[in-house]
Structure formats: C-alpha cells, structure tokens
Amino acid sequence: MKLTRLSGVAALGAVAAITLAGCAANEGGSPADGAEGGDSGISGTVGATGASSQTAAQEAWVAEFQTANPGATINYEPTGSGTGRDNFIAGASNFIGSDRAFEMEELGEFASCASESIVEVPAYISPVALAFNLEGVDTLNLDAETIAGIFAGEITTWNDEAIASLNEGVELPDTAITPVNRSDDSGTTETFVAYMAATAPDVWDYEVSGVWPIDGTERGQGTQGVRQIIEDGQGTIGYLDASQVPEEAGQVAVGVDGEYVAYSAEAASALIENSPLEEGREAQDLVFAVDPASASGGAYPIALVSYLIGCVDYEDPEVAALVKEYFSYIISPEGQATGEAAAGSAPISDSLREQAQAAIDAIVTE
C-alpha cells in the first residue's frame, strides 16, 4: 500500500529532525504567489524530509506559505538528502528536498507515488563554501589540486608550501589541518567530491558519491554537524552550504582560470545557468548536468543544485494539490526572493522558472 502521509521516518534513519510547521501559520509575512489578499483555499498536511542545505530557506518558505494558506501544514524535516531519497522510495515522505536528483538507474516505482513518473525541479541554487578556522587568517586562495590534496590527506599542515605559494604575504602557522566531512549520505558531499574529481583527477581519484570515501576522518552529522566542528576546532576546514558558514570562519576563494573566485550567489548561478539538462529524462524531470571543470572566469565552480522532488500522481488529490501549490510558490519570484533573504541562495532565472512551472503543472490533482 502506498502512503500519502509522513510515517515511519525514524525507522528509516531520519535524525536531527526539525519540524517547520505549526505556529508559522499565525506569523506575519507576505502571502504566497497566487494567494494575495487572503487564503487561497488550499488545505491539508504534507510531510517531507531531505536536504539540510535547504533548512534556512524551508523555514522561511513554510512560514510564508502557511501564513497565506492557514489551512495548509508543511512539515519539512532536514534529515539529509540520502535519507530523504530513501524515505521517498519507501513511501514515508510526500515530497523531498535533495542536493542531487535521482540517477537514471534509480528511477522506477516509488512507494510515495501512484505511478513511476516523478517531478524534479531545481529550486535552491547555492555555493558550497569551504570554511576554515585558523587564528589570524580570514581568507585564503586555494586551487583545485591543493583543495583535493588537503581533503585526501596529502597536505597536512597549514604552512605547507602548496598553500603558502598561493598566498604570498599571509603568515601561515604550522598548525595541523583537520579536514571535516559529512558523516551522512549527502548531496553536498557529492557536489564537493564531483568538483574535486573533475578538476583535480590526479589527486582525487575516488568514486563520486554522496558518501565520503575515506575512513578515519573528522565527520559531522548534517550541515550543522560540520559547522559545529569547524567552529569548535582549530585548524579545521570543511565544506557546507554557504548559508550555514560560521560567522567568524575564514573563507576560501577557489581558483578558476588563473583567478580566485570567492563564493557568492551570483557566481554559483553563473555555473548552473551555463549547464545543459541531462538527456533521456521525462519532460517534467528537470536535472542539470553540471561540469565544474567547465567553469569560466567569474563562475564559482562548487555550486549546489538542490531539487524539490515529488510525484506526478498521488493517491490523495488533497496531497497532490498542496504539493503542487507549495512547489509553485517556492519557484515564484516571491518564493525565490524569500529563499535569497533567508539563506543567500541564487534566485533562478525567468527562463528556468518557466521550465520548472511547466514541470510542476504535470502534477495531477484530480
């Protein structure tokens, strides 16, 4: 039997859950797109799990959407992308957020859906930042080979010549480097290791996946776990969604075509907008083939494309209507502006919004 309500998430390994619902419907805020001036009439409850990178944006989206639609409840639990995808396959989430789309070979029967067809739309574009904690140092330039060498464990102290040669005039201590990675299956991890594999293949020759490939490393659960270890340590460096970088952390400018590009929403958007869609997918399955090695000057090469993933067909029409309305709000100019204000994400372009809305319109509500 297919499920149309969130259930059994804990049994599927969802941890550190944050429920973003309830009193948000009574908070102030602007109405959702299409619901200006009052309640749109949409109602019901949906449960979602997935990408922790979307946490700040989802908090803001849920609050604004529920303010405009008091009869609607959205429960989003930032379990990590891998757990979210597992939950969607098993029928424990009505929709999910994921820092990577389902692979072609993963497409098939999803217990959350009444058919095999799914909707995947890019809704959250953000740089994956490299943040570090090193007393007296605020910014560093690092190229791809040096970044890969640090995370592969080949460069082990901050005053290593590989780092010093890229940062003339910066006084670097002989502090040991502690690279920090995610302990859970994470789309943010996959985005980061895909960057290293594409730009420094002689140094980083591990298989690209959402699971960190090296044993014995310093690991944090979810985005918040990585952030906490960076904050609490000395000599630490880790990768995380830019919206979650600790306030006092140092920031890495990444080498691209002989220059060093600091992360920004605009620089991340430039990488995505120049990427083609993957071939062989259904029309409502909008998945980008991002190649970090093709980044040109001014584009930040480590950019996260986080997706909203739902069903084309749901067994419960009320769930279908609510998911469709919520997805439409998120990709709207108002929704994207809300995400940018809350999380520093890059608003999608008008042309991408048109594609995404056409995909969302494929959700059957009758």
Protein backbone atom coordinates (compact mmCIF):
# COMPACT_ATOMS: atom_id res chain seq x y z
CA MET A 1 0.00 0.00 0.00
CA LYS A 2 1.35 3.42 -0.92
CA LEU A 3 1.49 6.06 1.79
CA THR A 4 0.21 9.60 1.47
CA ARG A 5 1.20 10.86 4.91
CA LEU A 6 4.58 11.08 6.61
CA SER A 7 5.13 7.99 8.74
CA GLY A 8 7.93 5.79 9.94
CA VAL A 9 10.67 8.30 9.26
CA ALA A 10 12.53 7.43 12.42
CA ALA A 11 12.59 3.79 11.41
CA LEU A 12 14.25 4.83 8.18
CA GLY A 13 17.05 6.63 9.98
CA ALA A 14 15.84 10.23 10.00
CA VAL A 15 17.78 12.05 12.66
CA ALA A 16 18.10 15.59 13.99
CA ALA A 17 14.63 16.38 12.67
CA ILE A 18 13.34 19.89 12.77
CA THR A 19 9.61 20.27 12.15
CA LEU A 20 8.92 23.50 10.36
CA ALA A 21 5.21 23.92 10.82
CA GLY A 22 2.51 24.66 13.40
CA CYS A 23 2.60 28.20 14.69
CA ALA A 24 4.09 29.51 11.42
CA ALA A 25 0.58 29.82 10.05
CA ASN A 26 -0.08 32.56 12.58
CA GLU A 27 3.08 34.56 11.93
CA GLY A 28 3.23 37.70 9.90
CA GLY A 29 4.56 37.74 6.34
CA SER A 30 3.69 38.22 2.70
CA PRO A 31 1.14 35.96 1.06
CA ALA A 32 2.32 33.29 -1.31
CA ASP A 33 2.19 33.91 -5.04
CA GLY A 34 -1.34 33.35 -6.26
CA ALA A 35 -2.76 33.87 -2.80
CA GLU A 36 -2.53 37.64 -2.44
CA GLY A 37 -5.17 39.15 -0.26
CA GLY A 38 -6.03 36.05 1.73
CA ASP A 39 -6.47 32.31 1.90
CA SER A 40 -6.20 30.52 -1.46
CA GLY A 41 -8.43 27.71 -0.19
CA ILE A 42 -5.64 25.13 -0.31
CA SER A 43 -5.62 22.87 2.75
CA GLY A 44 -4.24 19.66 4.18
CA THR A 45 -0.98 18.34 5.59
CA VAL A 46 2.09 17.01 3.82
CA GLY A 47 5.29 15.59 5.26
CA ALA A 48 8.70 16.00 3.69
CA THR A 49 12.30 15.11 4.52
CA GLY A 50 15.62 15.73 2.87
CA ALA A 51 18.40 18.20 2.26
CA SER A 52 19.69 20.00 5.33
CA SER A 53 21.17 22.62 2.99
CA GLN A 54 17.61 23.84 2.40
CA THR A 55 16.85 24.29 6.12
CA ALA A 56 17.02 28.09 6.32
CA ALA A 57 15.11 28.52 3.08
CA GLN A 58 12.50 25.92 4.01
CA GLU A 59 11.88 27.61 7.37
CA ALA A 60 11.14 30.87 5.57
CA TRP A 61 9.12 29.23 2.77
CA VAL A 62 6.96 27.26 5.19
CA ALA A 63 6.27 30.30 7.37
CA GLU A 64 5.26 32.48 4.43
CA PHE A 65 3.22 29.80 2.67
CA GLN A 66 1.31 28.83 5.80
CA THR A 67 0.61 32.49 6.61
CA ALA A 68 -1.02 32.84 3.21
CA ASN A 69 -2.72 29.44 3.48
CA PRO A 70 -3.87 28.88 7.10
CA GLY A 71 -5.47 25.56 6.20
CA ALA A 72 -2.18 24.11 4.98
CA THR A 73 0.56 22.46 7.03
CA ILE A 74 4.00 21.64 5.62
CA ASN A 75 6.28 19.51 7.81
CA TYR A 76 9.85 19.56 6.47
CA GLU A 77 12.50 17.58 8.38
CA PRO A 78 16.15 18.22 7.35
CA THR A 79 17.35 14.63 7.56
CA GLY A 80 19.94 14.88 4.78
CA SER A 81 19.44 14.19 1.10
CA GLY A 82 20.22 10.47 1.21
CA THR A 83 17.67 9.77 3.94
CA GLY A 84 15.15 11.91 2.10
CA ARG A 85 15.54 9.87 -1.08
CA ASP A 86 15.25 6.62 0.91
CA ASN A 87 12.08 7.92 2.54
CA PHE A 88 10.56 8.88 -0.80
CA ILE A 89 11.30 5.45 -2.25
CA ALA A 90 9.79 3.79 0.82
CA GLY A 91 6.68 5.97 0.90
CA ALA A 92 7.49 7.88 4.10
CA SER A 93 7.61 11.36 2.53
CA ASN A 94 5.08 13.10 0.29
CA PHE A 95 7.88 15.13 -1.28
CA ILE A 96 11.57 15.66 -0.57
CA GLY A 97 14.40 18.12 -0.94
CA SER A 98 17.60 16.63 -2.32
CA ASP A 99 21.01 18.03 -3.17
CA ARG A 100 21.10 15.69 -6.10
CA ALA A 101 18.41 14.31 -8.33
CA PHE A 102 17.66 10.61 -8.61
CA GLU A 103 20.04 8.87 -11.00
CA MET A 104 18.52 7.39 -14.15
CA GLU A 105 19.05 3.87 -12.82
CA GLU A 106 17.21 4.79 -9.60
CA LEU A 107 14.05 5.82 -11.39
CA GLY A 108 11.22 3.34 -11.05
CA GLU A 109 8.50 2.53 -8.58
CA PHE A 110 8.31 4.95 -5.67
CA ALA A 111 6.02 3.99 -2.82
CA SER A 112 5.19 7.67 -2.29
CA CYS A 113 3.66 7.84 -5.78
CA ALA A 114 0.75 6.27 -7.62
CA SER A 115 2.84 5.94 -10.81
CA GLU A 116 6.50 5.71 -11.76
CA SER A 117 6.73 9.32 -13.02
CA ILE A 118 8.22 11.96 -10.74
CA VAL A 119 8.74 15.72 -10.84
CA GLU A 120 12.23 17.03 -10.13
CA VAL A 121 12.83 20.78 -10.29
CA PRO A 122 15.87 22.83 -9.25
CA ALA A 123 14.61 25.24 -6.60
CA TYR A 124 17.65 26.10 -4.47
CA ILE A 125 20.98 27.08 -6.03
CA SER A 126 23.78 27.89 -3.64
CA PRO A 127 27.56 27.85 -3.48
CA VAL A 128 29.18 25.09 -1.45
CA ALA A 129 31.64 27.08 0.61
CA LEU A 130 34.98 26.00 2.03
CA ALA A 131 35.22 27.45 5.52
CA PHE A 132 38.15 27.15 7.92
CA ASN A 133 39.14 28.07 11.47
CA LEU A 134 42.72 29.31 11.64
CA GLU A 135 43.67 32.03 14.11
CA GLY A 136 44.77 35.23 12.42
CA VAL A 137 43.75 34.18 8.90
CA ASP A 138 40.48 35.38 7.34
CA THR A 139 40.78 34.41 3.67
CA LEU A 140 42.88 32.04 1.60
CA ASN A 141 43.33 31.32 -2.09
CA LEU A 142 43.28 27.61 -2.93
CA ASP A 143 43.35 25.93 -6.33
CA ALA A 144 41.73 22.61 -7.16
CA GLU A 145 44.86 20.47 -6.68
CA THR A 146 45.53 22.00 -3.27
CA ILE A 147 41.94 21.57 -2.13
CA ALA A 148 41.97 17.94 -3.23
CA GLY A 149 45.34 17.39 -1.55
CA ILE A 150 44.01 18.73 1.76
CA PHE A 151 40.89 16.55 1.74
CA ALA A 152 42.80 13.50 0.51
CA GLY A 153 45.13 13.84 3.49
CA GLU A 154 48.23 14.59 1.41
CA ILE A 155 48.64 18.20 2.64
CA THR A 156 48.64 18.08 6.42
CA THR A 157 49.83 21.44 7.81
CA TRP A 158 48.67 24.96 7.06
CA ASN A 159 52.15 26.26 6.25
CA ASP A 160 52.69 23.61 3.57
CA GLU A 161 54.37 25.11 0.51
CA ALA A 162 51.37 24.19 -1.66
CA ILE A 163 49.22 26.59 0.37
CA ALA A 164 51.91 29.21 1.07
CA SER A 165 52.77 29.59 -2.61
CA LEU A 166 49.19 30.63 -3.37
CA ASN A 167 49.01 33.12 -0.50
CA GLU A 168 52.08 35.36 -0.53
CA GLY A 169 52.22 37.69 2.44
CA VAL A 170 49.90 35.55 4.59
CA GLU A 171 51.54 34.32 7.78
CA LEU A 172 50.59 30.66 8.00
CA PRO A 173 51.16 28.62 11.18
CA ASP A 174 52.41 25.05 11.28
CA THR A 175 49.04 24.01 12.73
CA ALA A 176 47.82 20.59 11.65
CA ILE A 177 44.98 20.64 9.11
CA THR A 178 41.79 18.86 10.18
CA PRO A 179 39.55 18.31 7.16
CA VAL A 180 35.88 17.89 8.11
CA ASN A 181 33.37 15.95 6.04
CA ARG A 182 29.77 14.80 6.34
CA SER A 183 29.06 11.51 8.11
CA ASP A 184 25.71 11.00 6.35
CA ASP A 185 24.89 10.34 2.70
CA SER A 186 24.80 13.89 1.40
CA GLY A 187 24.22 15.70 -1.87
CA THR A 188 26.53 18.43 -0.59
CA THR A 189 29.28 15.82 -0.31
CA GLU A 190 28.54 14.59 -3.82
CA THR A 191 28.69 18.15 -5.17
CA PHE A 192 32.06 18.72 -3.50
CA VAL A 193 33.71 15.43 -4.48
CA ALA A 194 32.40 15.81 -8.05
CA TYR A 195 34.23 19.15 -8.16
CA MET A 196 37.50 17.58 -6.98
CA ALA A 197 37.16 14.60 -9.33
CA ALA A 198 36.51 16.89 -12.30
CA THR A 199 39.18 19.50 -11.60
CA ALA A 200 41.96 17.52 -9.87
CA PRO A 201 41.62 13.91 -11.07
CA ASP A 202 45.30 13.13 -10.49
CA VAL A 203 44.88 13.91 -6.79
CA TRP A 204 41.27 12.92 -6.16
CA ASP A 205 40.67 9.57 -7.85
CA TYR A 206 37.82 8.32 -5.66
CA GLU A 207 34.39 7.41 -6.99
CA VAL A 208 31.91 10.26 -6.93
CA SER A 209 29.06 9.63 -4.49
CA GLY A 210 27.28 11.20 -1.56
CA VAL A 211 29.21 9.01 0.91
CA TRP A 212 32.65 10.22 1.98
CA PRO A 213 35.18 7.65 0.68
CA ILE A 214 38.00 7.98 3.23
CA ASP A 215 37.90 6.26 6.60
CA GLY A 216 39.18 7.76 9.85
CA THR A 217 38.28 11.38 9.07
CA GLU A 218 36.61 14.02 11.23
CA ARG A 219 32.90 13.73 10.45
CA GLY A 220 29.82 15.80 11.24
CA GLN A 221 26.18 14.74 11.01
CA GLY A 222 24.43 17.01 8.55
CA THR A 223 25.33 20.57 7.67
CA GLN A 224 25.04 21.65 11.30
CA GLY A 225 27.43 18.94 12.43
CA VAL A 226 30.12 20.10 10.00
CA ARG A 227 29.54 23.71 11.02
CA GLN A 228 29.91 22.88 14.72
CA ILE A 229 33.20 21.03 14.25
CA ILE A 230 34.64 23.91 12.20
CA GLU A 231 33.56 26.41 14.88
CA ASP A 232 34.91 24.38 17.79
CA GLY A 233 38.21 23.31 16.26
CA GLN A 234 41.49 24.98 15.40
CA GLY A 235 42.99 24.23 12.02
CA THR A 236 39.70 22.79 10.76
CA ILE A 237 38.37 23.14 7.22
CA GLY A 238 35.13 21.79 5.82
CA TYR A 239 32.58 22.14 3.05
CA LEU A 240 28.99 23.25 3.64
CA ASP A 241 26.16 25.22 2.14
CA ALA A 242 27.17 28.88 2.10
CA SER A 243 24.12 29.90 4.12
CA GLN A 244 25.49 27.90 7.07
CA VAL A 245 29.09 29.18 7.18
CA PRO A 246 30.03 30.17 10.76
CA GLU A 247 30.16 33.95 11.16
CA GLU A 248 33.78 34.01 12.34
CA ALA A 249 35.08 31.37 9.91
CA GLY A 250 37.72 32.04 7.30
CA GLN A 251 36.65 31.75 3.68
CA VAL A 252 38.36 30.18 0.67
CA ALA A 253 38.49 31.80 -2.76
CA VAL A 254 38.69 28.98 -5.32
CA GLY A 255 40.98 29.04 -8.34
CA VAL A 256 39.22 29.32 -11.72
CA ASP A 257 41.10 30.08 -14.95
CA GLY A 258 44.02 31.69 -13.16
CA GLU A 259 41.95 33.88 -10.85
CA TYR A 260 40.45 33.26 -7.43
CA VAL A 261 36.69 33.46 -7.08
CA ALA A 262 35.01 33.99 -3.72
CA TYR A 263 31.68 32.26 -3.30
CA SER A 264 28.53 34.26 -3.97
CA ALA A 265 25.01 33.52 -5.13
CA GLU A 266 25.69 35.25 -8.44
CA ALA A 267 28.89 33.28 -9.09
CA ALA A 268 27.15 29.99 -8.31
CA SER A 269 24.22 30.85 -10.56
CA ALA A 270 26.62 31.55 -13.43
CA LEU A 271 27.87 27.94 -13.30
CA ILE A 272 24.38 26.43 -13.31
CA GLU A 273 22.84 28.64 -15.96
CA ASN A 274 25.52 27.55 -18.44
CA SER A 275 24.92 23.83 -17.79
CA PRO A 276 22.75 21.63 -20.06
CA LEU A 277 19.85 19.47 -18.95
CA GLU A 278 20.52 15.74 -18.77
CA GLU A 279 19.19 13.85 -21.74
CA GLY A 280 16.84 10.87 -21.67
CA ARG A 281 14.53 12.10 -18.89
CA GLU A 282 10.82 12.82 -18.97
CA ALA A 283 9.82 16.42 -19.68
CA GLN A 284 8.89 17.15 -16.04
CA ASP A 285 12.20 15.74 -14.75
CA LEU A 286 14.50 18.79 -14.95
CA VAL A 287 18.01 17.69 -13.99
CA PHE A 288 21.14 19.66 -14.85
CA ALA A 289 24.44 18.12 -15.95
CA VAL A 290 26.83 20.43 -14.10
CA ASP A 291 30.53 20.19 -15.02
CA PRO A 292 32.77 22.08 -12.55
CA ALA A 293 35.72 21.71 -14.91
CA SER A 294 33.94 23.89 -17.47
CA ALA A 295 33.58 26.85 -15.12
CA SER A 296 34.76 30.05 -16.76
CA GLY A 297 36.17 33.17 -15.16
CA GLY A 298 33.80 34.68 -12.64
CA ALA A 299 31.81 31.46 -12.07
CA TYR A 300 32.19 29.74 -8.71
CA PRO A 301 32.93 26.08 -9.53
CA ILE A 302 31.40 24.36 -6.45
CA ALA A 303 27.69 25.04 -6.76
CA LEU A 304 24.87 23.07 -5.24
CA VAL A 305 21.69 22.50 -7.21
CA SER A 306 19.13 21.32 -4.69
CA TYR A 307 15.90 19.85 -6.02
CA LEU A 308 12.28 19.61 -5.00
CA ILE A 309 11.11 16.09 -5.83
CA GLY A 310 7.51 14.95 -5.88
CA CYS A 311 5.12 12.65 -7.69
CA VAL A 312 3.25 13.24 -10.91
CA ASP A 313 0.44 11.09 -9.49
CA TYR A 314 -0.60 10.85 -5.83
CA GLU A 315 -3.27 8.58 -4.42
CA ASP A 316 -4.67 11.51 -2.40
CA PRO A 317 -5.80 14.51 -4.52
CA GLU A 318 -5.51 16.81 -1.50
CA VAL A 319 -1.84 15.93 -1.11
CA ALA A 320 -1.28 16.45 -4.84
CA ALA A 321 -2.89 19.89 -4.78
CA LEU A 322 -0.92 21.00 -1.74
CA VAL A 323 2.43 19.79 -3.08
CA LYS A 324 1.72 21.46 -6.44
CA GLU A 325 0.80 24.77 -4.79
CA TYR A 326 3.81 24.71 -2.48
CA PHE A 327 6.26 23.89 -5.28
CA SER A 328 4.76 26.69 -7.41
CA TYR A 329 5.20 29.15 -4.57
CA ILE A 330 8.84 28.19 -3.98
CA ILE A 331 9.88 28.78 -7.59
CA SER A 332 7.87 32.01 -7.88
CA PRO A 333 9.74 35.34 -7.79
CA GLU A 334 8.35 35.88 -4.28
CA GLY A 335 9.45 32.46 -3.09
CA GLN A 336 12.91 32.79 -4.57
CA ALA A 337 13.32 36.22 -3.01
CA THR A 338 12.32 34.75 0.35
CA GLY A 339 14.92 31.98 -0.05
CA GLU A 340 17.60 34.50 -1.02
CA ALA A 341 16.85 36.68 2.02
CA ALA A 342 16.84 33.72 4.42
CA ALA A 343 19.70 31.65 3.01
CA GLY A 344 21.67 33.68 0.47
CA SER A 345 20.67 31.34 -2.36
CA ALA A 346 20.70 32.38 -6.01
CA PRO A 347 17.23 33.09 -7.44
CA ILE A 348 16.50 31.01 -10.53
CA SER A 349 16.19 32.83 -13.85
CA ASP A 350 12.89 33.61 -15.54
CA SER A 351 13.58 31.04 -18.27
CA LEU A 352 14.33 28.34 -15.73
CA ARG A 353 11.22 29.31 -13.78
CA GLU A 354 9.10 28.77 -16.88
CA GLN A 355 10.59 25.30 -17.34
CA ALA A 356 10.11 24.46 -13.67
CA GLN A 357 6.50 25.64 -13.63
CA ALA A 358 5.70 23.52 -16.69
CA ALA A 359 7.15 20.52 -14.84
CA ILE A 360 5.15 21.26 -11.69
CA ASP A 361 1.99 21.65 -13.76
CA ALA A 362 2.36 17.94 -14.64
CA ILE A 363 1.25 17.03 -11.09
CA VAL A 364 -2.24 15.56 -11.39
CA THR A 365 -4.71 16.98 -8.87
CA GLU A 366 -7.96 15.32 -9.99
